[in-house]
Amino acid sequence: MKISQDIRREHGGDLSVDEVEAGMAEKSAEFAASGNRVYLPLAE
């Protein structure tokens, strides 16, 4: 539990709900742009 608290404090634990939701929306758009696939084909 202490590790989780340390990580939150050091890496964005003070973000507002709006900032977190904006970040999730950005990642969602990035995921959609890559084709909504979890596993991408290997580059040859």
C-alpha atoms as a PDB file:
ATOM      1  CA  MET A   1       0.000   0.000   0.000  1.00  0.00           C
ATOM      2  CA  LYS A   2       2.823   2.391   0.799  1.00  0.00           C
ATOM      3  CA  ILE A   3       4.365   1.783  -2.624  1.00  0.00           C
ATOM      4  CA  SER A   4       1.093   2.731  -4.339  1.00  0.00           C
ATOM      5  CA  GLN A   5       0.832   5.883  -2.248  1.00  0.00           C
ATOM      6  CA  ASP A   6       4.415   6.854  -3.076  1.00  0.00           C
ATOM      7  CA  ILE A   7       3.826   6.367  -6.792  1.00  0.00           C
ATOM      8  CA  ARG A   8       0.609   8.416  -6.735  1.00  0.00           C
ATOM      9  CA  ARG A   9       2.322  11.219  -4.834  1.00  0.00           C
ATOM     10  CA  GLU A  10       5.352  11.320  -7.144  1.00  0.00           C
ATOM     11  CA  HIS A  11       3.620  10.716 -10.471  1.00  0.00           C
ATOM     12  CA  GLY A  12       0.352  12.546 -10.659  1.00  0.00           C
ATOM     13  CA  GLY A  13      -1.522  11.874  -7.472  1.00  0.00           C
ATOM     14  CA  ASP A  14      -2.515  15.525  -7.382  1.00  0.00           C
ATOM     15  CA  LEU A  15      -4.357  15.485 -10.720  1.00  0.00           C
ATOM     16  CA  SER A  16      -7.978  16.557 -10.814  1.00  0.00           C
ATOM     17  CA  VAL A  17     -10.722  14.284 -12.097  1.00  0.00           C
ATOM     18  CA  ASP A  18     -10.974  16.412 -15.254  1.00  0.00           C
ATOM     19  CA  GLU A  19      -7.255  16.012 -15.962  1.00  0.00           C
ATOM     20  CA  VAL A  20      -7.427  12.249 -15.484  1.00  0.00           C
ATOM     21  CA  GLU A  21     -10.473  11.983 -17.778  1.00  0.00           C
ATOM     22  CA  ALA A  22      -8.737  14.130 -20.432  1.00  0.00           C
ATOM     23  CA  GLY A  23      -5.701  11.838 -20.297  1.00  0.00           C
ATOM     24  CA  MET A  24      -7.884   8.749 -20.641  1.00  0.00           C
ATOM     25  CA  ALA A  25      -9.727  10.302 -23.603  1.00  0.00           C
ATOM     26  CA  GLU A  26      -6.379  11.026 -25.269  1.00  0.00           C
ATOM     27  CA  LYS A  27      -5.211   7.435 -24.784  1.00  0.00           C
ATOM     28  CA  SER A  28      -8.569   6.151 -26.036  1.00  0.00           C
ATOM     29  CA  ALA A  29      -8.187   8.182 -29.246  1.00  0.00           C
ATOM     30  CA  GLU A  30      -4.623   6.881 -29.631  1.00  0.00           C
ATOM     31  CA  PHE A  31      -5.881   3.296 -29.228  1.00  0.00           C
ATOM     32  CA  ALA A  32      -8.663   3.876 -31.791  1.00  0.00           C
ATOM     33  CA  ALA A  33      -6.138   5.337 -34.250  1.00  0.00           C
ATOM     34  CA  SER A  34      -4.065   2.155 -33.989  1.00  0.00           C
ATOM     35  CA  GLY A  35      -7.054   0.050 -35.039  1.00  0.00           C
ATOM     36  CA  ASN A  36      -8.584  -0.838 -31.648  1.00  0.00           C
ATOM     37  CA  ARG A  37      -6.424  -3.957 -31.467  1.00  0.00           C
ATOM     38  CA  VAL A  38      -4.719  -5.073 -28.289  1.00  0.00           C
ATOM     39  CA  TYR A  39      -2.128  -7.177 -30.092  1.00  0.00           C
ATOM     40  CA  LEU A  40      -0.492  -5.523 -33.076  1.00  0.00           C
ATOM     41  CA  PRO A  41       1.204  -7.571 -35.805  1.00  0.00           C
ATOM     42  CA  LEU A  42       4.952  -7.988 -35.591  1.00  0.00           C
ATOM     43  CA  ALA A  43       7.003  -5.724 -37.832  1.00  0.00           C
ATOM     44  CA  GLU A  44       9.039  -7.638 -40.370  1.00  0.00           C
END
